[in-house]
Amino acid sequence: MLGELTVLMDHKVACEYRDVAFRARQLHAAGKSREQIVDILNLLEAQAEAVRVYFRPRPLSADPNDDMVLDVAINGRADAIVTFNTRHFKSAATQFNIDVVTPAELLTRIRTRR
């Protein structure tokens, strides 16, 4: 399935993923051990395409903490941002012709292409 999409990431986003994933609430919700989370993150980072962020238009998002994701999407020429937080990304992403979809919407798109 990963062959159908490309994950874009830079160092800031990778660090943010790790920070969030190791929060006690997230570990509990995932039902995974720290070691399992490390393995998942290592796999994700190994599969991701590294993006160098050169262009940082500001302001982008209503939540400045989301700007790093938009930076990667814009500089990596993403087709879409996949997030549960569509509200914070929609306005800025559409300015750069980037769709904003939930994980469920992405899976539906993938399934209907087959």
C-alpha atoms as a PDB file:
ATOM      1  CA  MET A   1       0.000   0.000   0.000  1.00  0.00           C
ATOM      2  CA  LEU A   2       2.856   2.466   0.680  1.00  0.00           C
ATOM      3  CA  GLY A   3       3.784   2.154  -2.978  1.00  0.00           C
ATOM      4  CA  GLU A   4       0.636   4.142  -3.798  1.00  0.00           C
ATOM      5  CA  LEU A   5       1.583   7.188  -1.786  1.00  0.00           C
ATOM      6  CA  THR A   6       4.631   9.114  -0.752  1.00  0.00           C
ATOM      7  CA  VAL A   7       5.055  10.386   2.774  1.00  0.00           C
ATOM      8  CA  LEU A   8       6.839  13.746   2.907  1.00  0.00           C
ATOM      9  CA  MET A   9       8.823  14.716   5.973  1.00  0.00           C
ATOM     10  CA  ASP A  10      11.540  17.006   7.215  1.00  0.00           C
ATOM     11  CA  HIS A  11      13.525  16.897  10.444  1.00  0.00           C
ATOM     12  CA  LYS A  12      11.097  19.180  12.324  1.00  0.00           C
ATOM     13  CA  VAL A  13       8.088  17.052  11.434  1.00  0.00           C
ATOM     14  CA  ALA A  14       9.923  13.833  12.372  1.00  0.00           C
ATOM     15  CA  CYS A  15      10.819  15.304  15.778  1.00  0.00           C
ATOM     16  CA  GLU A  16       7.216  16.447  16.298  1.00  0.00           C
ATOM     17  CA  TYR A  17       5.877  12.968  15.451  1.00  0.00           C
ATOM     18  CA  ARG A  18       8.236  11.443  18.008  1.00  0.00           C
ATOM     19  CA  ASP A  19       7.353  14.008  20.666  1.00  0.00           C
ATOM     20  CA  VAL A  20       3.630  13.428  20.246  1.00  0.00           C
ATOM     21  CA  ALA A  21       3.872   9.628  19.884  1.00  0.00           C
ATOM     22  CA  PHE A  22       5.681   9.235  23.218  1.00  0.00           C
ATOM     23  CA  ARG A  23       3.200  11.253  25.258  1.00  0.00           C
ATOM     24  CA  ALA A  24       1.582   9.041  27.874  1.00  0.00           C
ATOM     25  CA  ARG A  25      -1.921   9.659  26.495  1.00  0.00           C
ATOM     26  CA  GLN A  26      -0.846   8.702  22.960  1.00  0.00           C
ATOM     27  CA  LEU A  27       1.013   5.581  24.105  1.00  0.00           C
ATOM     28  CA  HIS A  28      -2.086   4.488  26.010  1.00  0.00           C
ATOM     29  CA  ALA A  29      -4.401   5.220  23.047  1.00  0.00           C
ATOM     30  CA  ALA A  30      -2.128   3.310  20.651  1.00  0.00           C
ATOM     31  CA  GLY A  31      -1.926   0.292  22.932  1.00  0.00           C
ATOM     32  CA  LYS A  32       1.696  -0.190  21.851  1.00  0.00           C
ATOM     33  CA  SER A  33       4.936  -0.378  23.789  1.00  0.00           C
ATOM     34  CA  ARG A  34       7.581   2.331  23.433  1.00  0.00           C
ATOM     35  CA  GLU A  35       9.684  -0.163  21.476  1.00  0.00           C
ATOM     36  CA  GLN A  36       6.835  -0.837  19.041  1.00  0.00           C
ATOM     37  CA  ILE A  37       6.317   2.896  18.560  1.00  0.00           C
ATOM     38  CA  VAL A  38      10.044   3.344  17.868  1.00  0.00           C
ATOM     39  CA  ASP A  39       9.840   0.596  15.232  1.00  0.00           C
ATOM     40  CA  ILE A  40       6.801   2.223  13.573  1.00  0.00           C
ATOM     41  CA  LEU A  41       8.410   5.669  13.541  1.00  0.00           C
ATOM     42  CA  ASN A  42      11.685   4.267  12.206  1.00  0.00           C
ATOM     43  CA  LEU A  43       9.786   2.562   9.370  1.00  0.00           C
ATOM     44  CA  LEU A  44       7.821   5.715   8.595  1.00  0.00           C
ATOM     45  CA  GLU A  45      10.974   7.840   8.527  1.00  0.00           C
ATOM     46  CA  ALA A  46      12.812   5.299   6.371  1.00  0.00           C
ATOM     47  CA  GLN A  47       9.972   5.304   3.819  1.00  0.00           C
ATOM     48  CA  ALA A  48       9.431   9.074   3.831  1.00  0.00           C
ATOM     49  CA  GLU A  49      10.813  11.378   1.180  1.00  0.00           C
ATOM     50  CA  ALA A  50      12.965  14.053   2.789  1.00  0.00           C
ATOM     51  CA  VAL A  51      11.877  17.595   1.978  1.00  0.00           C
ATOM     52  CA  ARG A  52      14.133  20.614   2.211  1.00  0.00           C
ATOM     53  CA  VAL A  53      12.111  23.647   3.250  1.00  0.00           C
ATOM     54  CA  TYR A  54      13.228  26.781   1.408  1.00  0.00           C
ATOM     55  CA  PHE A  55       9.966  28.669   1.048  1.00  0.00           C
ATOM     56  CA  ARG A  56       8.147  29.683   4.252  1.00  0.00           C
ATOM     57  CA  PRO A  57       5.236  32.004   3.520  1.00  0.00           C
ATOM     58  CA  ARG A  58       3.742  33.559   6.649  1.00  0.00           C
ATOM     59  CA  PRO A  59       1.234  33.658   8.154  1.00  0.00           C
ATOM     60  CA  LEU A  60      -0.192  30.348   7.005  1.00  0.00           C
ATOM     61  CA  SER A  61      -2.386  28.675   9.585  1.00  0.00           C
ATOM     62  CA  ALA A  62      -4.637  29.857  12.357  1.00  0.00           C
ATOM     63  CA  ASP A  63      -2.416  27.660  14.543  1.00  0.00           C
ATOM     64  CA  PRO A  64       1.256  28.605  14.021  1.00  0.00           C
ATOM     65  CA  ASN A  65       2.279  25.141  15.275  1.00  0.00           C
ATOM     66  CA  ASP A  66       0.775  23.705  12.075  1.00  0.00           C
ATOM     67  CA  ASP A  67       2.982  25.836   9.827  1.00  0.00           C
ATOM     68  CA  MET A  68       5.798  23.247   9.780  1.00  0.00           C
ATOM     69  CA  VAL A  69       3.454  20.703   8.197  1.00  0.00           C
ATOM     70  CA  LEU A  70       2.331  23.250   5.629  1.00  0.00           C
ATOM     71  CA  ASP A  71       5.978  24.126   4.928  1.00  0.00           C
ATOM     72  CA  VAL A  72       6.732  20.494   4.100  1.00  0.00           C
ATOM     73  CA  ALA A  73       3.577  20.110   2.005  1.00  0.00           C
ATOM     74  CA  ILE A  74       4.258  23.274   0.006  1.00  0.00           C
ATOM     75  CA  ASN A  75       7.976  22.644  -0.544  1.00  0.00           C
ATOM     76  CA  GLY A  76       7.416  18.945  -1.248  1.00  0.00           C
ATOM     77  CA  ARG A  77       4.628  19.734  -3.721  1.00  0.00           C
ATOM     78  CA  ALA A  78       2.184  17.517  -1.893  1.00  0.00           C
ATOM     79  CA  ASP A  79      -1.133  16.561  -3.413  1.00  0.00           C
ATOM     80  CA  ALA A  80      -2.720  16.340   0.023  1.00  0.00           C
ATOM     81  CA  ILE A  81      -2.268  16.739   3.749  1.00  0.00           C
ATOM     82  CA  VAL A  82      -3.761  13.838   5.691  1.00  0.00           C
ATOM     83  CA  THR A  83      -4.937  14.868   9.140  1.00  0.00           C
ATOM     84  CA  PHE A  84      -7.776  14.666  11.633  1.00  0.00           C
ATOM     85  CA  ASN A  85      -7.336  18.438  12.060  1.00  0.00           C
ATOM     86  CA  THR A  86      -8.677  19.554   8.676  1.00  0.00           C
ATOM     87  CA  ARG A  87     -10.044  22.839  10.053  1.00  0.00           C
ATOM     88  CA  HIS A  88      -6.586  24.317  10.745  1.00  0.00           C
ATOM     89  CA  PHE A  89      -5.138  23.354   7.362  1.00  0.00           C
ATOM     90  CA  LYS A  90      -7.926  23.922   4.803  1.00  0.00           C
ATOM     91  CA  SER A  91      -7.591  27.648   4.209  1.00  0.00           C
ATOM     92  CA  ALA A  92      -3.804  27.768   3.843  1.00  0.00           C
ATOM     93  CA  ALA A  93      -3.501  24.508   1.895  1.00  0.00           C
ATOM     94  CA  THR A  94      -6.090  25.473  -0.722  1.00  0.00           C
ATOM     95  CA  GLN A  95      -4.018  28.591  -1.539  1.00  0.00           C
ATOM     96  CA  PHE A  96      -1.317  26.182  -2.743  1.00  0.00           C
ATOM     97  CA  ASN A  97      -3.715  23.723  -4.434  1.00  0.00           C
ATOM     98  CA  ILE A  98      -3.193  21.079  -1.737  1.00  0.00           C
ATOM     99  CA  ASP A  99      -6.155  18.945  -0.648  1.00  0.00           C
ATOM    100  CA  VAL A 100      -6.758  18.385   3.048  1.00  0.00           C
ATOM    101  CA  VAL A 101      -8.320  15.013   3.867  1.00  0.00           C
ATOM    102  CA  THR A 102      -8.895  12.820   6.872  1.00  0.00           C
ATOM    103  CA  PRO A 103      -7.267   9.375   7.063  1.00  0.00           C
ATOM    104  CA  ALA A 104     -10.671   7.811   6.320  1.00  0.00           C
ATOM    105  CA  GLU A 105     -11.053   9.960   3.190  1.00  0.00           C
ATOM    106  CA  LEU A 106      -7.584   8.947   2.011  1.00  0.00           C
ATOM    107  CA  LEU A 107      -8.398   5.255   2.457  1.00  0.00           C
ATOM    108  CA  THR A 108     -11.657   5.714   0.547  1.00  0.00           C
ATOM    109  CA  ARG A 109      -9.765   7.374  -2.326  1.00  0.00           C
ATOM    110  CA  ILE A 110      -7.253   4.539  -2.425  1.00  0.00           C
ATOM    111  CA  ARG A 111      -9.944   1.850  -2.368  1.00  0.00           C
ATOM    112  CA  THR A 112     -12.033   3.447  -5.123  1.00  0.00           C
ATOM    113  CA  ARG A 113      -9.034   3.658  -7.484  1.00  0.00           C
ATOM    114  CA  ARG A 114      -8.721  -0.127  -7.605  1.00  0.00           C
END
